[in-house]
Amino acid sequence: MNDIMEVLVTLLVFGTIIAIPLSFLWFDHRTRKRGLDTLRIYAERGEEPPASVIEGVTRVTNPWGNPQPLNIRLAPRPQQTRANHLAHAAASTIIAIGVAGIVWWRVSAYGENGTGIVVGCLVALFFAGSVAARLVYAYYASEK
C-alpha cells in the first residue's frame, strides 16, 4: 500500500510539472488561433481589415506585445572551448558519483528498494550521460 502511494504521489508531482507548461502552450495556441480566425473572416469577405483590428490582433498574438520588429544586433555567441566542456564534464562526474554513492549506501546499508532508489539511479544515469556528451564535445572543441 505504501509503494502505491509513493507512485501516485510521484505521478501527481510529475503530472503537475508537465501540465503547467502544456496549459500555457495551449492557451497561447488558442489565442493565436482566434487572432487568425478574426483575420480569416475579413479575408473570406474580400475586405482589408481596419488598422485597429490588425493592431489589436498583433498585440494579442505577439508574445512580446510589441508589433514593431526590434533592430537589435545580437552579439555573436562565444565559442565554447575544450576547457569549458571539461569543466562541465568534471562537475557532472562529481554529481553522478555522489548520487550513485548515496544510492549504493542506501541499498547496501538499509536494503532500500523504493522510488527514491529508482529516481537516484535515473539521476546518476542522466549525469553520466551528460559526462559522455561533454567529453565528445571536448574532443571536437577548439583548444582556445
N, C-alpha and C. Protein backbone atom coordinates (compact mmCIF):
# COMPACT_ATOMS: atom_id res chain seq x y z
N MET A 1 0.83 -1.20 0.00
CA MET A 1 0.00 0.00 0.00
C MET A 1 0.86 1.25 0.00
N ASN A 2 1.98 1.20 0.73
CA ASN A 2 2.87 2.35 0.81
C ASN A 2 3.53 2.63 -0.52
N ASP A 3 3.88 1.55 -1.26
CA ASP A 3 4.50 1.72 -2.58
C ASP A 3 3.53 2.36 -3.56
N ILE A 4 2.27 1.99 -3.47
CA ILE A 4 1.26 2.56 -4.36
C ILE A 4 1.11 4.05 -4.10
N MET A 5 1.14 4.44 -2.84
CA MET A 5 1.04 5.87 -2.51
C MET A 5 2.24 6.64 -3.04
N GLU A 6 3.44 6.05 -2.93
CA GLU A 6 4.64 6.72 -3.45
C GLU A 6 4.54 6.91 -4.95
N VAL A 7 4.07 5.90 -5.66
CA VAL A 7 3.92 6.00 -7.11
C VAL A 7 2.87 7.05 -7.46
N LEU A 8 1.75 7.06 -6.75
CA LEU A 8 0.70 8.04 -7.03
C LEU A 8 1.19 9.47 -6.77
N VAL A 9 1.91 9.66 -5.68
CA VAL A 9 2.45 11.00 -5.39
C VAL A 9 3.45 11.41 -6.46
N THR A 10 4.31 10.47 -6.87
CA THR A 10 5.27 10.78 -7.93
C THR A 10 4.57 11.13 -9.22
N LEU A 11 3.56 10.37 -9.59
CA LEU A 11 2.80 10.67 -10.80
C LEU A 11 2.09 12.02 -10.70
N LEU A 12 1.56 12.33 -9.54
CA LEU A 12 0.89 13.61 -9.35
C LEU A 12 1.87 14.76 -9.48
N VAL A 13 3.05 14.63 -8.88
CA VAL A 13 4.05 15.70 -8.95
C VAL A 13 4.53 15.89 -10.38
N PHE A 14 4.94 14.79 -11.04
CA PHE A 14 5.43 14.91 -12.41
C PHE A 14 4.31 15.31 -13.37
N GLY A 15 3.10 14.84 -13.12
CA GLY A 15 1.96 15.25 -13.95
C GLY A 15 1.71 16.74 -13.85
N THR A 16 1.81 17.28 -12.65
CA THR A 16 1.64 18.72 -12.47
C THR A 16 2.77 19.49 -13.14
N ILE A 17 3.98 18.98 -13.02
CA ILE A 17 5.13 19.65 -13.64
C ILE A 17 4.96 19.69 -15.16
N ILE A 18 4.39 18.65 -15.73
CA ILE A 18 4.18 18.61 -17.18
C ILE A 18 2.95 19.41 -17.57
N ALA A 19 1.89 19.37 -16.77
CA ALA A 19 0.63 20.01 -17.13
C ALA A 19 0.72 21.53 -17.16
N ILE A 20 1.50 22.13 -16.29
CA ILE A 20 1.55 23.59 -16.24
C ILE A 20 2.12 24.19 -17.53
N PRO A 21 3.30 23.79 -18.01
CA PRO A 21 3.77 24.38 -19.26
C PRO A 21 2.91 24.01 -20.47
N LEU A 22 2.35 22.79 -20.46
CA LEU A 22 1.48 22.43 -21.57
C LEU A 22 0.23 23.30 -21.60
N SER A 23 -0.32 23.63 -20.44
CA SER A 23 -1.50 24.50 -20.43
C SER A 23 -1.14 25.90 -20.91
N PHE A 24 0.04 26.41 -20.55
CA PHE A 24 0.47 27.72 -21.07
C PHE A 24 0.58 27.68 -22.59
N LEU A 25 1.17 26.62 -23.11
CA LEU A 25 1.30 26.49 -24.57
C LEU A 25 -0.07 26.39 -25.24
N TRP A 26 -0.99 25.66 -24.62
CA TRP A 26 -2.33 25.52 -25.19
C TRP A 26 -3.05 26.87 -25.21
N PHE A 27 -3.00 27.62 -24.12
CA PHE A 27 -3.67 28.93 -24.08
C PHE A 27 -3.07 29.89 -25.10
N ASP A 28 -1.75 29.84 -25.26
CA ASP A 28 -1.09 30.68 -26.25
C ASP A 28 -1.52 30.28 -27.65
N HIS A 29 -1.58 28.99 -27.93
CA HIS A 29 -2.02 28.50 -29.23
C HIS A 29 -3.46 28.93 -29.51
N ARG A 30 -4.32 28.78 -28.51
CA ARG A 30 -5.73 29.15 -28.69
C ARG A 30 -5.89 30.64 -28.97
N THR A 31 -5.12 31.47 -28.29
CA THR A 31 -5.18 32.91 -28.51
C THR A 31 -4.73 33.26 -29.92
N ARG A 32 -3.63 32.67 -30.36
CA ARG A 32 -3.14 32.94 -31.72
C ARG A 32 -4.13 32.45 -32.77
N LYS A 33 -4.75 31.30 -32.52
CA LYS A 33 -5.71 30.76 -33.48
C LYS A 33 -6.93 31.68 -33.59
N ARG A 34 -7.38 32.22 -32.49
CA ARG A 34 -8.52 33.14 -32.53
C ARG A 34 -8.16 34.41 -33.29
N GLY A 35 -6.93 34.88 -33.14
CA GLY A 35 -6.49 36.05 -33.91
C GLY A 35 -6.48 35.76 -35.39
N LEU A 36 -6.00 34.58 -35.77
CA LEU A 36 -6.02 34.20 -37.19
C LEU A 36 -7.45 34.03 -37.70
N ASP A 37 -8.34 33.50 -36.86
CA ASP A 37 -9.74 33.37 -37.27
C ASP A 37 -10.37 34.72 -37.53
N THR A 38 -10.01 35.71 -36.74
CA THR A 38 -10.52 37.06 -36.95
C THR A 38 -10.06 37.60 -38.31
N LEU A 39 -8.80 37.42 -38.63
CA LEU A 39 -8.29 37.87 -39.92
C LEU A 39 -8.88 37.05 -41.07
N ARG A 40 -9.16 35.77 -40.83
CA ARG A 40 -9.75 34.92 -41.87
C ARG A 40 -11.14 35.40 -42.25
N ILE A 41 -11.89 35.91 -41.28
CA ILE A 41 -13.24 36.42 -41.56
C ILE A 41 -13.16 37.56 -42.57
N TYR A 42 -12.22 38.47 -42.38
CA TYR A 42 -12.05 39.58 -43.33
C TYR A 42 -11.58 39.07 -44.69
N ALA A 43 -10.72 38.05 -44.68
CA ALA A 43 -10.22 37.51 -45.96
C ALA A 43 -11.34 36.83 -46.74
N GLU A 44 -12.25 36.14 -46.05
CA GLU A 44 -13.36 35.50 -46.74
C GLU A 44 -14.31 36.52 -47.34
N ARG A 45 -14.47 37.66 -46.71
CA ARG A 45 -15.30 38.74 -47.25
C ARG A 45 -14.61 39.48 -48.39
N GLY A 46 -13.30 39.30 -48.49
CA GLY A 46 -12.55 40.03 -49.50
C GLY A 46 -12.26 41.47 -49.10
N GLU A 47 -12.29 41.74 -47.81
CA GLU A 47 -12.07 43.10 -47.31
C GLU A 47 -10.71 43.18 -46.63
N GLU A 48 -10.20 44.40 -46.61
CA GLU A 48 -8.99 44.68 -45.85
C GLU A 48 -9.41 45.00 -44.42
N PRO A 49 -8.86 44.30 -43.42
CA PRO A 49 -9.25 44.61 -42.05
C PRO A 49 -8.80 46.02 -41.67
N PRO A 50 -9.58 46.69 -40.83
CA PRO A 50 -9.16 48.03 -40.39
C PRO A 50 -7.85 47.97 -39.60
N ALA A 51 -7.16 49.09 -39.57
CA ALA A 51 -5.87 49.16 -38.87
C ALA A 51 -6.03 48.83 -37.39
N SER A 52 -7.16 49.22 -36.79
CA SER A 52 -7.36 48.93 -35.37
C SER A 52 -7.47 47.42 -35.13
N VAL A 53 -8.10 46.69 -36.07
CA VAL A 53 -8.21 45.24 -35.92
C VAL A 53 -6.84 44.59 -36.06
N ILE A 54 -6.08 45.03 -37.06
CA ILE A 54 -4.73 44.47 -37.24
C ILE A 54 -3.87 44.76 -36.03
N GLU A 55 -3.96 45.97 -35.51
CA GLU A 55 -3.17 46.33 -34.32
C GLU A 55 -3.58 45.49 -33.12
N GLY A 56 -4.90 45.32 -32.94
CA GLY A 56 -5.38 44.52 -31.81
C GLY A 56 -4.97 43.05 -31.92
N VAL A 57 -5.10 42.48 -33.13
CA VAL A 57 -4.71 41.08 -33.32
C VAL A 57 -3.21 40.92 -33.13
N THR A 58 -2.43 41.88 -33.64
CA THR A 58 -0.98 41.81 -33.47
C THR A 58 -0.61 41.90 -32.00
N ARG A 59 -1.27 42.77 -31.27
CA ARG A 59 -0.95 42.92 -29.85
C ARG A 59 -1.30 41.66 -29.07
N VAL A 60 -2.39 41.01 -29.43
CA VAL A 60 -2.83 39.81 -28.71
C VAL A 60 -1.99 38.60 -29.09
N THR A 61 -1.67 38.47 -30.38
CA THR A 61 -0.99 37.26 -30.83
C THR A 61 0.53 37.35 -30.74
N ASN A 62 1.08 38.54 -30.56
CA ASN A 62 2.53 38.67 -30.44
C ASN A 62 2.92 38.39 -28.99
N PRO A 63 3.76 37.40 -28.74
CA PRO A 63 4.06 37.03 -27.35
C PRO A 63 4.75 38.14 -26.56
N TRP A 64 5.42 39.06 -27.23
CA TRP A 64 6.13 40.12 -26.51
C TRP A 64 5.34 41.41 -26.51
N GLY A 65 4.21 41.46 -27.20
CA GLY A 65 3.35 42.63 -27.17
C GLY A 65 3.87 43.83 -27.93
N ASN A 66 4.90 43.66 -28.73
CA ASN A 66 5.46 44.77 -29.49
C ASN A 66 5.32 44.47 -30.97
N PRO A 67 4.43 45.18 -31.70
CA PRO A 67 4.22 44.85 -33.09
C PRO A 67 5.38 45.24 -34.01
N GLN A 68 6.20 46.20 -33.61
CA GLN A 68 7.32 46.61 -34.45
C GLN A 68 8.52 45.71 -34.19
N PRO A 69 9.17 45.28 -35.27
CA PRO A 69 10.38 44.48 -35.04
C PRO A 69 11.48 45.35 -34.47
N LEU A 70 12.23 44.77 -33.59
CA LEU A 70 13.33 45.50 -32.97
C LEU A 70 14.59 45.34 -33.82
N ASN A 71 15.32 46.41 -33.98
CA ASN A 71 16.58 46.36 -34.72
C ASN A 71 17.72 46.21 -33.74
N ILE A 72 17.79 45.03 -33.15
CA ILE A 72 18.83 44.75 -32.17
C ILE A 72 19.83 43.81 -32.80
N ARG A 73 21.05 44.16 -32.72
CA ARG A 73 22.11 43.28 -33.20
C ARG A 73 22.57 42.43 -32.02
N LEU A 74 22.39 41.16 -32.16
CA LEU A 74 22.81 40.26 -31.09
C LEU A 74 24.30 39.99 -31.21
N ALA A 75 24.94 39.96 -30.08
CA ALA A 75 26.37 39.67 -30.06
C ALA A 75 26.57 38.20 -30.45
N PRO A 76 27.63 37.91 -31.18
CA PRO A 76 27.85 36.51 -31.53
C PRO A 76 28.10 35.67 -30.28
N ARG A 77 27.59 34.49 -30.32
CA ARG A 77 27.75 33.59 -29.19
C ARG A 77 29.20 33.16 -29.08
N PRO A 78 29.77 33.26 -27.90
CA PRO A 78 31.17 32.85 -27.78
C PRO A 78 31.30 31.34 -27.99
N GLN A 79 32.38 30.98 -28.67
CA GLN A 79 32.61 29.57 -28.94
C GLN A 79 33.04 28.88 -27.65
N GLN A 80 32.45 27.73 -27.39
CA GLN A 80 32.81 27.01 -26.18
C GLN A 80 34.13 26.28 -26.40
N THR A 81 34.96 26.38 -25.42
CA THR A 81 36.30 25.81 -25.54
C THR A 81 36.35 24.43 -24.92
N ARG A 82 37.47 23.77 -25.14
CA ARG A 82 37.68 22.45 -24.58
C ARG A 82 37.65 22.51 -23.05
N ALA A 83 38.26 23.55 -22.49
CA ALA A 83 38.29 23.70 -21.03
C ALA A 83 36.88 23.85 -20.46
N ASN A 84 36.02 24.58 -21.17
CA ASN A 84 34.65 24.76 -20.73
C ASN A 84 33.93 23.42 -20.68
N HIS A 85 34.07 22.63 -21.74
CA HIS A 85 33.41 21.33 -21.78
C HIS A 85 33.97 20.39 -20.70
N LEU A 86 35.27 20.43 -20.49
CA LEU A 86 35.87 19.55 -19.47
C LEU A 86 35.43 19.96 -18.07
N ALA A 87 35.24 21.27 -17.85
CA ALA A 87 34.76 21.72 -16.54
C ALA A 87 33.34 21.21 -16.29
N HIS A 88 32.48 21.26 -17.31
CA HIS A 88 31.13 20.73 -17.16
C HIS A 88 31.16 19.21 -16.95
N ALA A 89 32.05 18.54 -17.67
CA ALA A 89 32.17 17.09 -17.51
C ALA A 89 32.62 16.73 -16.10
N ALA A 90 33.55 17.51 -15.55
CA ALA A 90 34.02 17.25 -14.19
C ALA A 90 32.91 17.43 -13.17
N ALA A 91 32.13 18.52 -13.32
CA ALA A 91 31.03 18.76 -12.38
C ALA A 91 29.98 17.65 -12.48
N SER A 92 29.66 17.25 -13.70
CA SER A 92 28.67 16.19 -13.87
C SER A 92 29.19 14.86 -13.33
N THR A 93 30.49 14.63 -13.44
CA THR A 93 31.07 13.40 -12.89
C THR A 93 30.93 13.38 -11.38
N ILE A 94 31.21 14.50 -10.73
CA ILE A 94 31.09 14.58 -9.26
C ILE A 94 29.65 14.32 -8.84
N ILE A 95 28.70 14.92 -9.55
CA ILE A 95 27.29 14.74 -9.19
C ILE A 95 26.88 13.29 -9.41
N ALA A 96 27.26 12.70 -10.55
CA ALA A 96 26.88 11.31 -10.85
C ALA A 96 27.46 10.36 -9.81
N ILE A 97 28.72 10.54 -9.47
CA ILE A 97 29.36 9.66 -8.48
C ILE A 97 28.72 9.86 -7.10
N GLY A 98 28.42 11.10 -6.75
CA GLY A 98 27.80 11.38 -5.46
C GLY A 98 26.42 10.75 -5.34
N VAL A 99 25.59 10.91 -6.36
CA VAL A 99 24.25 10.33 -6.31
C VAL A 99 24.33 8.80 -6.32
N ALA A 100 25.22 8.24 -7.17
CA ALA A 100 25.36 6.79 -7.21
C ALA A 100 25.87 6.26 -5.87
N GLY A 101 26.76 7.00 -5.22
CA GLY A 101 27.26 6.60 -3.90
C GLY A 101 26.16 6.59 -2.86
N ILE A 102 25.30 7.61 -2.90
CA ILE A 102 24.19 7.66 -1.94
C ILE A 102 23.23 6.50 -2.19
N VAL A 103 22.95 6.21 -3.45
CA VAL A 103 22.07 5.09 -3.77
C VAL A 103 22.69 3.78 -3.30
N TRP A 104 23.98 3.60 -3.58
CA TRP A 104 24.69 2.37 -3.16
C TRP A 104 24.63 2.21 -1.64
N TRP A 105 24.89 3.30 -0.93
CA TRP A 105 24.87 3.27 0.53
C TRP A 105 23.48 2.91 1.06
N ARG A 106 22.41 3.54 0.48
CA ARG A 106 21.06 3.26 0.97
C ARG A 106 20.65 1.82 0.70
N VAL A 107 21.07 1.28 -0.44
CA VAL A 107 20.71 -0.11 -0.76
C VAL A 107 21.52 -1.09 0.09
N SER A 108 22.83 -0.86 0.21
CA SER A 108 23.66 -1.83 0.94
C SER A 108 23.46 -1.74 2.45
N ALA A 109 23.28 -0.55 3.00
CA ALA A 109 23.16 -0.41 4.45
C ALA A 109 21.75 -0.68 4.96
N TYR A 110 20.75 -0.23 4.21
CA TYR A 110 19.38 -0.31 4.72
C TYR A 110 18.48 -1.22 3.89
N GLY A 111 18.98 -1.73 2.78
CA GLY A 111 18.17 -2.62 1.96
C GLY A 111 17.00 -1.94 1.28
N GLU A 112 17.11 -0.64 1.05
CA GLU A 112 16.02 0.09 0.40
C GLU A 112 15.91 -0.34 -1.06
N ASN A 113 14.69 -0.30 -1.57
CA ASN A 113 14.46 -0.58 -2.98
C ASN A 113 13.21 0.13 -3.47
N GLY A 114 12.99 1.33 -3.00
CA GLY A 114 11.77 2.05 -3.34
C GLY A 114 11.96 3.05 -4.46
N THR A 115 11.04 3.99 -4.51
CA THR A 115 11.02 5.01 -5.55
C THR A 115 12.26 5.89 -5.49
N GLY A 116 12.72 6.21 -4.30
CA GLY A 116 13.90 7.06 -4.16
C GLY A 116 15.13 6.45 -4.79
N ILE A 117 15.26 5.15 -4.69
CA ILE A 117 16.40 4.45 -5.28
C ILE A 117 16.32 4.51 -6.80
N VAL A 118 15.14 4.30 -7.34
CA VAL A 118 14.95 4.36 -8.79
C VAL A 118 15.24 5.76 -9.31
N VAL A 119 14.70 6.77 -8.64
CA VAL A 119 14.95 8.15 -9.05
C VAL A 119 16.44 8.47 -8.94
N GLY A 120 17.09 8.04 -7.87
CA GLY A 120 18.52 8.26 -7.71
C GLY A 120 19.33 7.62 -8.83
N CYS A 121 18.94 6.40 -9.22
CA CYS A 121 19.63 5.73 -10.34
C CYS A 121 19.43 6.50 -11.64
N LEU A 122 18.23 6.99 -11.87
CA LEU A 122 17.97 7.76 -13.09
C LEU A 122 18.75 9.07 -13.11
N VAL A 123 18.85 9.73 -11.97
CA VAL A 123 19.63 10.97 -11.89
C VAL A 123 21.11 10.69 -12.16
N ALA A 124 21.63 9.63 -11.56
CA ALA A 124 23.03 9.26 -11.79
C ALA A 124 23.27 8.92 -13.25
N LEU A 125 22.35 8.20 -13.88
CA LEU A 125 22.48 7.88 -15.31
C LEU A 125 22.42 9.13 -16.17
N PHE A 126 21.54 10.07 -15.80
CA PHE A 126 21.45 11.32 -16.56
C PHE A 126 22.78 12.07 -16.54
N PHE A 127 23.35 12.21 -15.36
CA PHE A 127 24.62 12.95 -15.27
C PHE A 127 25.77 12.17 -15.89
N ALA A 128 25.73 10.84 -15.84
CA ALA A 128 26.76 10.05 -16.53
C ALA A 128 26.65 10.24 -18.04
N GLY A 129 25.44 10.29 -18.56
CA GLY A 129 25.26 10.59 -19.98
C GLY A 129 25.73 11.98 -20.34
N SER A 130 25.50 12.92 -19.43
CA SER A 130 25.98 14.28 -19.64
C SER A 130 27.51 14.31 -19.71
N VAL A 131 28.15 13.51 -18.88
CA VAL A 131 29.62 13.44 -18.93
C VAL A 131 30.07 12.91 -20.29
N ALA A 132 29.42 11.87 -20.76
CA ALA A 132 29.80 11.30 -22.06
C ALA A 132 29.63 12.33 -23.17
N ALA A 133 28.52 13.06 -23.16
CA ALA A 133 28.30 14.07 -24.20
C ALA A 133 29.33 15.18 -24.11
N ARG A 134 29.64 15.65 -22.91
CA ARG A 134 30.63 16.73 -22.76
C ARG A 134 32.02 16.28 -23.18
N LEU A 135 32.36 15.02 -22.95
CA LEU A 135 33.67 14.53 -23.39
C LEU A 135 33.75 14.48 -24.91
N VAL A 136 32.65 14.12 -25.56
CA VAL A 136 32.64 14.15 -27.03
C VAL A 136 32.77 15.58 -27.52
N TYR A 137 32.03 16.51 -26.90
CA TYR A 137 32.14 17.93 -27.28
C TYR A 137 33.56 18.43 -27.07
N ALA A 138 34.18 18.03 -25.96
CA ALA A 138 35.54 18.48 -25.66
C ALA A 138 36.53 17.95 -26.70
N TYR A 139 36.30 16.76 -27.19
CA TYR A 139 37.19 16.17 -28.18
C TYR A 139 37.19 17.00 -29.47
N TYR A 140 36.02 17.50 -29.86
CA TYR A 140 35.88 18.24 -31.12
C TYR A 140 35.99 19.76 -30.94
N ALA A 141 36.07 20.26 -29.73
CA ALA A 141 36.13 21.71 -29.50
C ALA A 141 37.52 22.25 -29.77
N SER A 142 37.55 23.57 -29.96
CA SER A 142 38.86 24.21 -30.16
C SER A 142 39.61 24.27 -28.84
N GLU A 143 40.93 24.37 -28.93
CA GLU A 143 41.73 24.35 -27.70
C GLU A 143 41.76 25.70 -26.99
N LYS A 144 41.41 26.75 -27.66
CA LYS A 144 41.48 28.08 -27.04
C LYS A 144 40.39 28.30 -26.05
